[in-house]
Amino acid sequence: QVQLVESGGGLVQPGGSLRLSCAASGFTFSAYVMNWYRQAPGKERELVATISSFGGDTRYADSMKGRFTISRDNVRSTVYLQMNSLKPEGTAVYYCNLRYYGKDYWGQGTQVTVSS
């Protein structure tokens, strides 16, 4: 079955960096677009970044452009999110997402807290 397992979250000061990972299994990873979403307290889940199946096309929410980088390793079936210049409003649970045969799959999420 499809499994997505995020890791790498934590507490970071404003201006700091974190790298999130999402290990995938249960499907042909290299054939699918992968996404990162986040959900801040009291807010709806929002799309952060998207990467095409072979990594040649990446897209970002406007507020993340220039600071976040999505990448993937199709050998390790892992997608990454490098987050630089983090801001307090970046505090959220970050989720890995796959749309597979019309159904959305989510990991358990990893908490990122940006605070001094």
PDB file of N, CA and C in Angstrom:
ATOM      1  N   GLN A   1       0.832  -1.176   0.000  1.00  0.00           N
ATOM      2  CA  GLN A   1       0.000   0.000   0.000  1.00  0.00           C
ATOM      3  C   GLN A   1       0.881   1.246   0.000  1.00  0.00           C
ATOM      4  N   VAL A   2       0.295   2.350  -0.420  1.00  0.00           N
ATOM      5  CA  VAL A   2       1.040   3.605  -0.475  1.00  0.00           C
ATOM      6  C   VAL A   2       1.377   4.070   0.939  1.00  0.00           C
ATOM      7  N   GLN A   3       2.648   4.429   1.124  1.00  0.00           N
ATOM      8  CA  GLN A   3       3.074   5.014   2.392  1.00  0.00           C
ATOM      9  C   GLN A   3       3.965   6.215   2.111  1.00  0.00           C
ATOM     10  N   LEU A   4       3.718   7.271   2.870  1.00  0.00           N
ATOM     11  CA  LEU A   4       4.535   8.483   2.797  1.00  0.00           C
ATOM     12  C   LEU A   4       4.950   8.824   4.221  1.00  0.00           C
ATOM     13  N   VAL A   5       6.252   8.956   4.437  1.00  0.00           N
ATOM     14  CA  VAL A   5       6.754   9.208   5.785  1.00  0.00           C
ATOM     15  C   VAL A   5       7.661  10.429   5.762  1.00  0.00           C
ATOM     16  N   GLU A   6       7.187  11.510   6.401  1.00  0.00           N
ATOM     17  CA  GLU A   6       7.966  12.746   6.448  1.00  0.00           C
ATOM     18  C   GLU A   6       8.902  12.760   7.646  1.00  0.00           C
ATOM     19  N   SER A   7       9.973  13.511   7.497  1.00  0.00           N
ATOM     20  CA  SER A   7      10.909  13.711   8.602  1.00  0.00           C
ATOM     21  C   SER A   7      11.666  15.016   8.368  1.00  0.00           C
ATOM     22  N   GLY A   8      12.363  15.464   9.419  1.00  0.00           N
ATOM     23  CA  GLY A   8      13.229  16.624   9.273  1.00  0.00           C
ATOM     24  C   GLY A   8      12.713  17.905   9.886  1.00  0.00           C
ATOM     25  N   GLY A   9      11.495  17.894  10.404  1.00  0.00           N
ATOM     26  CA  GLY A   9      10.971  19.093  11.028  1.00  0.00           C
ATOM     27  C   GLY A   9      11.665  19.393  12.346  1.00  0.00           C
ATOM     28  N   GLY A  10      11.313  20.545  12.918  1.00  0.00           N
ATOM     29  CA  GLY A  10      11.890  20.917  14.200  1.00  0.00           C
ATOM     30  C   GLY A  10      11.707  22.392  14.467  1.00  0.00           C
ATOM     31  N   LEU A  11      12.426  22.851  15.476  1.00  0.00           N
ATOM     32  CA  LEU A  11      12.390  24.258  15.868  1.00  0.00           C
ATOM     33  C   LEU A  11      13.586  24.971  15.225  1.00  0.00           C
ATOM     34  N   VAL A  12      13.313  26.091  14.589  1.00  0.00           N
ATOM     35  CA  VAL A  12      14.376  26.850  13.935  1.00  0.00           C
ATOM     36  C   VAL A  12      14.113  28.332  14.158  1.00  0.00           C
ATOM     37  N   GLN A  13      15.179  29.089  14.248  1.00  0.00           N
ATOM     38  CA  GLN A  13      15.031  30.529  14.419  1.00  0.00           C
ATOM     39  C   GLN A  13      14.673  31.201  13.104  1.00  0.00           C
ATOM     40  N   PRO A  14      14.020  32.348  13.161  1.00  0.00           N
ATOM     41  CA  PRO A  14      13.748  33.098  11.925  1.00  0.00           C
ATOM     42  C   PRO A  14      15.048  33.335  11.158  1.00  0.00           C
ATOM     43  N   GLY A  15      14.968  33.132   9.842  1.00  0.00           N
ATOM     44  CA  GLY A  15      16.152  33.237   8.997  1.00  0.00           C
ATOM     45  C   GLY A  15      16.909  31.949   8.833  1.00  0.00           C
ATOM     46  N   GLY A  16      16.536  30.938   9.598  1.00  0.00           N
ATOM     47  CA  GLY A  16      17.231  29.657   9.543  1.00  0.00           C
ATOM     48  C   GLY A  16      16.740  28.773   8.417  1.00  0.00           C
ATOM     49  N   SER A  17      17.308  27.566   8.384  1.00  0.00           N
ATOM     50  CA  SER A  17      17.003  26.610   7.313  1.00  0.00           C
ATOM     51  C   SER A  17      16.650  25.245   7.890  1.00  0.00           C
ATOM     52  N   LEU A  18      15.861  24.521   7.134  1.00  0.00           N
ATOM     53  CA  LEU A  18      15.558  23.124   7.436  1.00  0.00           C
ATOM     54  C   LEU A  18      15.414  22.380   6.117  1.00  0.00           C
ATOM     55  N   ARG A  19      15.702  21.089   6.164  1.00  0.00           N
ATOM     56  CA  ARG A  19      15.472  20.228   5.004  1.00  0.00           C
ATOM     57  C   ARG A  19      14.542  19.107   5.417  1.00  0.00           C
ATOM     58  N   LEU A  20      13.385  19.063   4.773  1.00  0.00           N
ATOM     59  CA  LEU A  20      12.409  18.010   5.026  1.00  0.00           C
ATOM     60  C   LEU A  20      12.596  16.887   4.013  1.00  0.00           C
ATOM     61  N   SER A  21      12.295  15.680   4.468  1.00  0.00           N
ATOM     62  CA  SER A  21      12.343  14.508   3.590  1.00  0.00           C
ATOM     63  C   SER A  21      11.020  13.778   3.654  1.00  0.00           C
ATOM     64  N   CYS A  22      10.679  13.118   2.566  1.00  0.00           N
ATOM     65  CA  CYS A  22       9.487  12.266   2.522  1.00  0.00           C
ATOM     66  C   CYS A  22       9.868  10.981   1.809  1.00  0.00           C
ATOM     67  N   ALA A  23       9.890   9.889   2.559  1.00  0.00           N
ATOM     68  CA  ALA A  23      10.199   8.585   1.996  1.00  0.00           C
ATOM     69  C   ALA A  23       8.909   7.919   1.541  1.00  0.00           C
ATOM     70  N   ALA A  24       8.879   7.490   0.289  1.00  0.00           N
ATOM     71  CA  ALA A  24       7.671   6.931  -0.311  1.00  0.00           C
ATOM     72  C   ALA A  24       7.839   5.452  -0.603  1.00  0.00           C
ATOM     73  N   SER A  25       6.738   4.718  -0.541  1.00  0.00           N
ATOM     74  CA  SER A  25       6.758   3.308  -0.896  1.00  0.00           C
ATOM     75  C   SER A  25       5.361   2.875  -1.313  1.00  0.00           C
ATOM     76  N   GLY A  26       5.284   1.732  -1.987  1.00  0.00           N
ATOM     77  CA  GLY A  26       3.997   1.167  -2.348  1.00  0.00           C
ATOM     78  C   GLY A  26       3.497   1.558  -3.732  1.00  0.00           C
ATOM     79  N   PHE A  27       4.297   2.301  -4.477  1.00  0.00           N
ATOM     80  CA  PHE A  27       3.927   2.682  -5.836  1.00  0.00           C
ATOM     81  C   PHE A  27       5.206   2.983  -6.605  1.00  0.00           C
ATOM     82  N   THR A  28       5.075   3.159  -7.923  1.00  0.00           N
ATOM     83  CA  THR A  28       6.234   3.449  -8.757  1.00  0.00           C
ATOM     84  C   THR A  28       6.556   4.937  -8.646  1.00  0.00           C
ATOM     85  N   PHE A  29       7.431   5.248  -7.701  1.00  0.00           N
ATOM     86  CA  PHE A  29       7.693   6.638  -7.320  1.00  0.00           C
ATOM     87  C   PHE A  29       8.073   7.496  -8.524  1.00  0.00           C
ATOM     88  N   SER A  30       8.907   6.994  -9.393  1.00  0.00           N
ATOM     89  CA  SER A  30       9.443   7.804 -10.495  1.00  0.00           C
ATOM     90  C   SER A  30       8.391   8.180 -11.527  1.00  0.00           C
ATOM     91  N   ALA A  31       7.197   7.620 -11.423  1.00  0.00           N
ATOM     92  CA  ALA A  31       6.152   7.881 -12.416  1.00  0.00           C
ATOM     93  C   ALA A  31       5.191   8.980 -12.011  1.00  0.00           C
ATOM     94  N   TYR A  32       5.357   9.535 -10.793  1.00  0.00           N
ATOM     95  CA  TYR A  32       4.319  10.430 -10.273  1.00  0.00           C
ATOM     96  C   TYR A  32       4.849  11.772  -9.804  1.00  0.00           C
ATOM     97  N   VAL A  33       4.024  12.779 -10.049  1.00  0.00           N
ATOM     98  CA  VAL A  33       4.233  14.102  -9.470  1.00  0.00           C
ATOM     99  C   VAL A  33       4.096  13.992  -7.952  1.00  0.00           C
ATOM    100  N   MET A  34       4.942  14.732  -7.257  1.00  0.00           N
ATOM    101  CA  MET A  34       4.877  14.778  -5.800  1.00  0.00           C
ATOM    102  C   MET A  34       4.724  16.221  -5.343  1.00  0.00           C
ATOM    103  N   ASN A  35       4.072  16.394  -4.213  1.00  0.00           N
ATOM    104  CA  ASN A  35       3.781  17.721  -3.690  1.00  0.00           C
ATOM    105  C   ASN A  35       4.140  17.823  -2.211  1.00  0.00           C
ATOM    106  N   TRP A  36       4.438  19.044  -1.800  1.00  0.00           N
ATOM    107  CA  TRP A  36       4.511  19.389  -0.376  1.00  0.00           C
ATOM    108  C   TRP A  36       3.398  20.397  -0.085  1.00  0.00           C
ATOM    109  N   TYR A  37       2.686  20.152   1.000  1.00  0.00           N
ATOM    110  CA  TYR A  37       1.678  21.070   1.509  1.00  0.00           C
ATOM    111  C   TYR A  37       2.069  21.451   2.932  1.00  0.00           C
ATOM    112  N   ARG A  38       1.398  22.482   3.442  1.00  0.00           N
ATOM    113  CA  ARG A  38       1.550  22.807   4.857  1.00  0.00           C
ATOM    114  C   ARG A  38       0.215  23.299   5.401  1.00  0.00           C
ATOM    115  N   GLN A  39       0.071  23.125   6.717  1.00  0.00           N
ATOM    116  CA  GLN A  39      -1.129  23.604   7.393  1.00  0.00           C
ATOM    117  C   GLN A  39      -0.717  24.281   8.677  1.00  0.00           C
ATOM    118  N   ALA A  40      -0.963  25.590   8.738  1.00  0.00           N
ATOM    119  CA  ALA A  40      -0.674  26.374   9.939  1.00  0.00           C
ATOM    120  C   ALA A  40      -1.864  26.295  10.884  1.00  0.00           C
ATOM    121  N   PRO A  41      -1.643  26.544  12.158  1.00  0.00           N
ATOM    122  CA  PRO A  41      -2.749  26.488  13.123  1.00  0.00           C
ATOM    123  C   PRO A  41      -3.900  27.401  12.716  1.00  0.00           C
ATOM    124  N   GLY A  42      -5.099  26.839  12.680  1.00  0.00           N
ATOM    125  CA  GLY A  42      -6.287  27.614  12.371  1.00  0.00           C
ATOM    126  C   GLY A  42      -6.456  27.974  10.915  1.00  0.00           C
ATOM    127  N   LYS A  43      -5.610  27.430  10.056  1.00  0.00           N
ATOM    128  CA  LYS A  43      -5.690  27.762   8.630  1.00  0.00           C
ATOM    129  C   LYS A  43      -5.881  26.499   7.789  1.00  0.00           C
ATOM    130  N   GLU A  44      -6.289  26.715   6.555  1.00  0.00           N
ATOM    131  CA  GLU A  44      -6.460  25.595   5.643  1.00  0.00           C
ATOM    132  C   GLU A  44      -5.101  25.107   5.143  1.00  0.00           C
ATOM    133  N   ARG A  45      -5.082  23.857   4.732  1.00  0.00           N
ATOM    134  CA  ARG A  45      -3.872  23.291   4.149  1.00  0.00           C
ATOM    135  C   ARG A  45      -3.603  23.985   2.819  1.00  0.00           C
ATOM    136  N   GLU A  46      -2.348  24.332   2.560  1.00  0.00           N
ATOM    137  CA  GLU A  46      -2.006  25.033   1.329  1.00  0.00           C
ATOM    138  C   GLU A  46      -0.846  24.347   0.620  1.00  0.00           C
ATOM    139  N   LEU A  47      -0.861  24.446  -0.696  1.00  0.00           N
ATOM    140  CA  LEU A  47       0.194  23.864  -1.514  1.00  0.00           C
ATOM    141  C   LEU A  47       1.465  24.708  -1.395  1.00  0.00           C
ATOM    142  N   VAL A  48       2.578  24.037  -1.133  1.00  0.00           N
ATOM    143  CA  VAL A  48       3.868  24.707  -1.010  1.00  0.00           C
ATOM    144  C   VAL A  48       4.671  24.575  -2.303  1.00  0.00           C
ATOM    145  N   ALA A  49       4.805  23.341  -2.786  1.00  0.00           N
ATOM    146  CA  ALA A  49       5.654  23.105  -3.956  1.00  0.00           C
ATOM    147  C   ALA A  49       5.268  21.793  -4.625  1.00  0.00           C
ATOM    148  N   THR A  50       5.568  21.714  -5.912  1.00  0.00           N
ATOM    149  CA  THR A  50       5.266  20.541  -6.737  1.00  0.00           C
ATOM    150  C   THR A  50       6.478  20.201  -7.582  1.00  0.00           C
ATOM    151  N   ILE A  51       6.703  18.907  -7.782  1.00  0.00           N
ATOM    152  CA  ILE A  51       7.812  18.484  -8.641  1.00  0.00           C
ATOM    153  C   ILE A  51       7.321  17.392  -9.586  1.00  0.00           C
ATOM    154  N   SER A  52       7.723  17.490 -10.846  1.00  0.00           N
ATOM    155  CA  SER A  52       7.321  16.500 -11.846  1.00  0.00           C
ATOM    156  C   SER A  52       8.018  15.166 -11.584  1.00  0.00           C
ATOM    157  N   SER A  53       7.601  14.154 -12.317  1.00  0.00           N
ATOM    158  CA  SER A  53       8.049  12.794 -12.029  1.00  0.00           C
ATOM    159  C   SER A  53       9.569  12.625 -12.118  1.00  0.00           C
ATOM    160  N   PHE A  54      10.204  13.311 -13.055  1.00  0.00           N
ATOM    161  CA  PHE A  54      11.654  13.195 -13.177  1.00  0.00           C
ATOM    162  C   PHE A  54      12.384  14.418 -12.665  1.00  0.00           C
ATOM    163  N   GLY A  55      11.634  15.340 -12.063  1.00  0.00           N
ATOM    164  CA  GLY A  55      12.259  16.478 -11.401  1.00  0.00           C
ATOM    165  C   GLY A  55      12.568  17.661 -12.289  1.00  0.00           C
ATOM    166  N   GLY A  56      12.190  17.581 -13.567  1.00  0.00           N
ATOM    167  CA  GLY A  56      12.554  18.658 -14.471  1.00  0.00           C
ATOM    168  C   GLY A  56      11.682  19.896 -14.353  1.00  0.00           C
ATOM    169  N   ASP A  57      10.544  19.759 -13.721  1.00  0.00           N
ATOM    170  CA  ASP A  57       9.612  20.883 -13.597  1.00  0.00           C
ATOM    171  C   ASP A  57       9.235  21.035 -12.140  1.00  0.00           C
ATOM    172  N   THR A  58       9.494  22.208 -11.587  1.00  0.00           N
ATOM    173  CA  THR A  58       9.132  22.489 -10.202  1.00  0.00           C
ATOM    174  C   THR A  58       8.304  23.769 -10.154  1.00  0.00           C
ATOM    175  N   ARG A  59       7.392  23.810  -9.213  1.00  0.00           N
ATOM    176  CA  ARG A  59       6.532  24.990  -9.069  1.00  0.00           C
ATOM    177  C   ARG A  59       6.355  25.274  -7.588  1.00  0.00           C
ATOM    178  N   TYR A  60       6.174  26.556  -7.281  1.00  0.00           N
ATOM    179  CA  TYR A  60       6.103  26.985  -5.895  1.00  0.00           C
ATOM    180  C   TYR A  60       4.977  27.980  -5.680  1.00  0.00           C
ATOM    181  N   ALA A  61       4.447  27.983  -4.466  1.00  0.00           N
ATOM    182  CA  ALA A  61       3.563  29.061  -4.068  1.00  0.00           C
ATOM    183  C   ALA A  61       4.363  30.353  -4.079  1.00  0.00           C
ATOM    184  N   ASP A  62       3.701  31.449  -4.395  1.00  0.00           N
ATOM    185  CA  ASP A  62       4.406  32.728  -4.565  1.00  0.00           C
ATOM    186  C   ASP A  62       5.237  33.091  -3.344  1.00  0.00           C
ATOM    187  N   SER A  63       4.700  32.853  -2.154  1.00  0.00           N
ATOM    188  CA  SER A  63       5.395  33.284  -0.939  1.00  0.00           C
ATOM    189  C   SER A  63       6.647  32.448  -0.637  1.00  0.00           C
ATOM    190  N   MET A  64       6.821  31.314  -1.331  1.00  0.00           N
ATOM    191  CA  MET A  64       7.962  30.439  -1.107  1.00  0.00           C
ATOM    192  C   MET A  64       9.035  30.568  -2.190  1.00  0.00           C
ATOM    193  N   LYS A  65       8.689  31.216  -3.280  1.00  0.00           N
ATOM    194  CA  LYS A  65       9.631  31.311  -4.397  1.00  0.00           C
ATOM    195  C   LYS A  65      10.922  31.990  -3.957  1.00  0.00           C
ATOM    196  N   GLY A  66      12.026  31.393  -4.347  1.00  0.00           N
ATOM    197  CA  GLY A  66      13.328  31.948  -4.016  1.00  0.00           C
ATOM    198  C   GLY A  66      13.869  31.522  -2.665  1.00  0.00           C
ATOM    199  N   ARG A  67      13.020  30.938  -1.836  1.00  0.00           N
ATOM    200  CA  ARG A  67      13.462  30.509  -0.496  1.00  0.00           C
ATOM    201  C   ARG A  67      13.388  28.992  -0.327  1.00  0.00           C
ATOM    202  N   PHE A  68      12.425  28.355  -0.992  1.00  0.00           N
ATOM    203  CA  PHE A  68      12.233  26.910  -0.858  1.00  0.00           C
ATOM    204  C   PHE A  68      12.651  26.222  -2.164  1.00  0.00           C
ATOM    205  N   THR A  69      13.180  25.018  -2.019  1.00  0.00           N
ATOM    206  CA  THR A  69      13.543  24.211  -3.184  1.00  0.00           C
ATOM    207  C   THR A  69      13.045  22.792  -2.992  1.00  0.00           C
ATOM    208  N   ILE A  70      12.236  22.332  -3.941  1.00  0.00           N
ATOM    209  CA  ILE A  70      11.780  20.944  -3.920  1.00  0.00           C
ATOM    210  C   ILE A  70      12.673  20.128  -4.848  1.00  0.00           C
ATOM    211  N   SER A  71      12.992  18.916  -4.429  1.00  0.00           N
ATOM    212  CA  SER A  71      13.808  18.036  -5.258  1.00  0.00           C
ATOM    213  C   SER A  71      13.406  16.591  -4.964  1.00  0.00           C
ATOM    214  N   ARG A  72      13.925  15.673  -5.750  1.00  0.00           N
ATOM    215  CA  ARG A  72      13.587  14.265  -5.535  1.00  0.00           C
ATOM    216  C   ARG A  72      14.740  13.383  -5.942  1.00  0.00           C
ATOM    217  N   ASP A  73      14.770  12.208  -5.341  1.00  0.00           N
ATOM    218  CA  ASP A  73      15.724  11.164  -5.666  1.00  0.00           C
ATOM    219  C   ASP A  73      14.916   9.926  -6.015  1.00  0.00           C
ATOM    220  N   ASN A  74      14.808   9.644  -7.296  1.00  0.00           N
ATOM    221  CA  ASN A  74      13.962   8.523  -7.724  1.00  0.00           C
ATOM    222  C   ASN A  74      14.587   7.164  -7.416  1.00  0.00           C
ATOM    223  N   VAL A  75      15.872   7.122  -7.142  1.00  0.00           N
ATOM    224  CA  VAL A  75      16.496   5.866  -6.718  1.00  0.00           C
ATOM    225  C   VAL A  75      16.104   5.549  -5.277  1.00  0.00           C
ATOM    226  N   ARG A  76      16.092   6.575  -4.439  1.00  0.00           N
ATOM    227  CA  ARG A  76      15.731   6.404  -3.031  1.00  0.00           C
ATOM    228  C   ARG A  76      14.238   6.598  -2.759  1.00  0.00           C
ATOM    229  N   SER A  77      13.463   6.891  -3.801  1.00  0.00           N
ATOM    230  CA  SER A  77      12.016   7.133  -3.629  1.00  0.00           C
ATOM    231  C   SER A  77      11.756   8.159  -2.528  1.00  0.00           C
ATOM    232  N   THR A  78      12.453   9.253  -2.614  1.00  0.00           N
ATOM    233  CA  THR A  78      12.359  10.286  -1.591  1.00  0.00           C
ATOM    234  C   THR A  78      12.226  11.654  -2.254  1.00  0.00           C
ATOM    235  N   VAL A  79      11.362  12.467  -1.681  1.00  0.00           N
ATOM    236  CA  VAL A  79      11.219  13.850  -2.117  1.00  0.00           C
ATOM    237  C   VAL A  79      11.643  14.747  -0.964  1.00  0.00           C
ATOM    238  N   TYR A  80      12.279  15.858  -1.292  1.00  0.00           N
ATOM    239  CA  TYR A  80      12.842  16.757  -0.299  1.00  0.00           C
ATOM    240  C   TYR A  80      12.251  18.156  -0.436  1.00  0.00           C
ATOM    241  N   LEU A  81      12.314  18.894   0.660  1.00  0.00           N
ATOM    242  CA  LEU A  81      11.969  20.307   0.636  1.00  0.00           C
ATOM    243  C   LEU A  81      13.036  21.045   1.442  1.00  0.00           C
ATOM    244  N   GLN A  82      13.877  21.783   0.734  1.00  0.00           N
ATOM    245  CA  GLN A  82      14.861  22.629   1.381  1.00  0.00           C
ATOM    246  C   GLN A  82      14.239  23.991   1.623  1.00  0.00           C
ATOM    247  N   MET A  83      14.220  24.405   2.882  1.00  0.00           N
ATOM    248  CA  MET A  83      13.580  25.663   3.257  1.00  0.00           C
ATOM    249  C   MET A  83      14.635  26.588   3.851  1.00  0.00           C
ATOM    250  N   ASN A  84      14.835  27.711   3.203  1.00  0.00           N
ATOM    251  CA  ASN A  84      15.800  28.714   3.662  1.00  0.00           C
ATOM    252  C   ASN A  84      15.078  30.003   4.035  1.00  0.00           C
ATOM    253  N   SER A  85      15.771  30.845   4.783  1.00  0.00           N
ATOM    254  CA  SER A  85      15.207  32.141   5.190  1.00  0.00           C
ATOM    255  C   SER A  85      13.806  31.980   5.760  1.00  0.00           C
ATOM    256  N   LEU A  86      13.675  31.051   6.680  1.00  0.00           N
ATOM    257  CA  LEU A  86      12.360  30.761   7.241  1.00  0.00           C
ATOM    258  C   LEU A  86      11.830  31.936   8.040  1.00  0.00           C
ATOM    259  N   LYS A  87      10.510  32.108   7.959  1.00  0.00           N
ATOM    260  CA  LYS A  87       9.824  33.186   8.660  1.00  0.00           C
ATOM    261  C   LYS A  87       8.879  32.588   9.698  1.00  0.00           C
ATOM    262  N   PRO A  88       8.507  33.354  10.716  1.00  0.00           N
ATOM    263  CA  PRO A  88       7.578  32.826  11.730  1.00  0.00           C
ATOM    264  C   PRO A  88       6.273  32.306  11.131  1.00  0.00           C
ATOM    265  N   GLU A  89       5.821  32.921  10.047  1.00  0.00           N
ATOM    266  CA  GLU A  89       4.587  32.443   9.413  1.00  0.00           C
ATOM    267  C   GLU A  89       4.774  31.110   8.706  1.00  0.00           C
ATOM    268  N   GLY A  90       5.973  30.622   8.671  1.00  0.00           N
ATOM    269  CA  GLY A  90       6.238  29.296   8.143  1.00  0.00           C
ATOM    270  C   GLY A  90       5.967  28.188   9.148  1.00  0.00           C
ATOM    271  N   THR A  91       5.605  28.560  10.366  1.00  0.00           N
ATOM    272  CA  THR A  91       5.250  27.566  11.379  1.00  0.00           C
ATOM    273  C   THR A  91       4.002  26.816  10.948  1.00  0.00           C
ATOM    274  N   ALA A  92       4.136  25.505  10.804  1.00  0.00           N
ATOM    275  CA  ALA A  92       3.039  24.694  10.287  1.00  0.00           C
ATOM    276  C   ALA A  92       3.448  23.227  10.357  1.00  0.00           C
ATOM    277  N   VAL A  93       2.472  22.375  10.119  1.00  0.00           N
ATOM    278  CA  VAL A  93       2.773  20.972   9.858  1.00  0.00           C
ATOM    279  C   VAL A  93       2.915  20.830   8.347  1.00  0.00           C
ATOM    280  N   TYR A  94       4.017  20.222   7.928  1.00  0.00           N
ATOM    281  CA  TYR A  94       4.314  20.052   6.511  1.00  0.00           C
ATOM    282  C   TYR A  94       4.029  18.609   6.117  1.00  0.00           C
ATOM    283  N   TYR A  95       3.304  18.471   5.009  1.00  0.00           N
ATOM    284  CA  TYR A  95       2.864  17.161   4.551  1.00  0.00           C
ATOM    285  C   TYR A  95       3.355  16.873   3.128  1.00  0.00           C
ATOM    286  N   CYS A  96       3.734  15.645   2.927  1.00  0.00           N
ATOM    287  CA  CYS A  96       4.026  15.120   1.607  1.00  0.00           C
ATOM    288  C   CYS A  96       2.704  14.610   1.003  1.00  0.00           C
ATOM    289  N   ASN A  97       2.540  14.784  -0.293  1.00  0.00           N
ATOM    290  CA  ASN A  97       1.263  14.410  -0.933  1.00  0.00           C
ATOM    291  C   ASN A  97       1.496  13.741  -2.274  1.00  0.00           C
ATOM    292  N   LEU A  98       0.661  12.734  -2.522  1.00  0.00           N
ATOM    293  CA  LEU A  98       0.628  12.040  -3.806  1.00  0.00           C
ATOM    294  C   LEU A  98      -0.821  11.926  -4.241  1.00  0.00           C
ATOM    295  N   ARG A  99      -1.087  12.240  -5.492  1.00  0.00           N
ATOM    296  CA  ARG A  99      -2.400  11.939  -6.063  1.00  0.00           C
ATOM    297  C   ARG A  99      -2.229  10.699  -6.941  1.00  0.00           C
ATOM    298  N   TYR A 100      -2.914   9.632  -6.555  1.00  0.00           N
ATOM    299  CA  TYR A 100      -2.681   8.316  -7.149  1.00  0.00           C
ATOM    300  C   TYR A 100      -4.025   7.686  -7.468  1.00  0.00           C
ATOM    301  N   TYR A 101      -4.279   7.457  -8.752  1.00  0.00           N
ATOM    302  CA  TYR A 101      -5.560   6.916  -9.190  1.00  0.00           C
ATOM    303  C   TYR A 101      -6.725   7.719  -8.602  1.00  0.00           C
ATOM    304  N   GLY A 102      -6.575   9.039  -8.654  1.00  0.00           N
ATOM    305  CA  GLY A 102      -7.665   9.911  -8.258  1.00  0.00           C
ATOM    306  C   GLY A 102      -7.843  10.104  -6.770  1.00  0.00           C
ATOM    307  N   LYS A 103      -6.978   9.518  -5.985  1.00  0.00           N
ATOM    308  CA  LYS A 103      -7.084   9.638  -4.528  1.00  0.00           C
ATOM    309  C   LYS A 103      -5.838  10.334  -3.993  1.00  0.00           C
ATOM    310  N   ASP A 104      -6.057  11.205  -2.997  1.00  0.00           N
ATOM    311  CA  ASP A 104      -4.950  11.883  -2.346  1.00  0.00           C
ATOM    312  C   ASP A 104      -4.422  11.035  -1.194  1.00  0.00           C
ATOM    313  N   TYR A 105      -3.102  10.887  -1.176  1.00  0.00           N
ATOM    314  CA  TYR A 105      -2.430  10.202  -0.069  1.00  0.00           C
ATOM    315  C   TYR A 105      -1.554  11.222   0.659  1.00  0.00           C
ATOM    316  N   TRP A 106      -1.529  11.098   1.985  1.00  0.00           N
ATOM    317  CA  TRP A 106      -0.786  12.029   2.825  1.00  0.00           C
ATOM    318  C   TRP A 106       0.080  11.255   3.796  1.00  0.00           C
ATOM    319  N   GLY A 107       1.204  11.869   4.140  1.00  0.00           N
ATOM    320  CA  GLY A 107       1.973  11.348   5.245  1.00  0.00           C
ATOM    321  C   GLY A 107       1.388  11.850   6.556  1.00  0.00           C
ATOM    322  N   GLN A 108       2.094  11.527   7.649  1.00  0.00           N
ATOM    323  CA  GLN A 108       1.612  11.926   8.969  1.00  0.00           C
ATOM    324  C   GLN A 108       1.962  13.381   9.274  1.00  0.00           C
ATOM    325  N   GLY A 109       2.839  13.954   8.462  1.00  0.00           N
ATOM    326  CA  GLY A 109       3.237  15.343   8.659  1.00  0.00           C
ATOM    327  C   GLY A 109       4.440  15.475   9.566  1.00  0.00           C
ATOM    328  N   THR A 110       5.144  16.589   9.408  1.00  0.00           N
ATOM    329  CA  THR A 110       6.265  16.908  10.280  1.00  0.00           C
ATOM    330  C   THR A 110       6.147  18.375  10.695  1.00  0.00           C
ATOM    331  N   GLN A 111       6.271  18.609  11.996  1.00  0.00           N
ATOM    332  CA  GLN A 111       6.053  19.951  12.537  1.00  0.00           C
ATOM    333  C   GLN A 111       7.295  20.821  12.316  1.00  0.00           C
ATOM    334  N   VAL A 112       7.061  22.004  11.786  1.00  0.00           N
ATOM    335  CA  VAL A 112       8.113  23.021  11.667  1.00  0.00           C
ATOM    336  C   VAL A 112       7.679  24.229  12.484  1.00  0.00           C
ATOM    337  N   THR A 113       8.521  24.637  13.398  1.00  0.00           N
ATOM    338  CA  THR A 113       8.237  25.803  14.225  1.00  0.00           C
ATOM    339  C   THR A 113       9.358  26.824  14.030  1.00  0.00           C
ATOM    340  N   VAL A 114       8.968  28.015  13.597  1.00  0.00           N
ATOM    341  CA  VAL A 114       9.946  29.083  13.366  1.00  0.00           C
ATOM    342  C   VAL A 114       9.752  30.137  14.452  1.00  0.00           C
ATOM    343  N   SER A 115      10.688  30.180  15.365  1.00  0.00           N
ATOM    344  CA  SER A 115      10.534  31.061  16.521  1.00  0.00           C
ATOM    345  C   SER A 115      11.889  31.345  17.135  1.00  0.00           C
ATOM    346  N   SER A 116      12.019  32.542  17.699  1.00  0.00           N
ATOM    347  CA  SER A 116      13.242  32.879  18.422  1.00  0.00           C
ATOM    348  C   SER A 116      13.092  32.575  19.914  1.00  0.00           C
TER     349      SER A 116
END
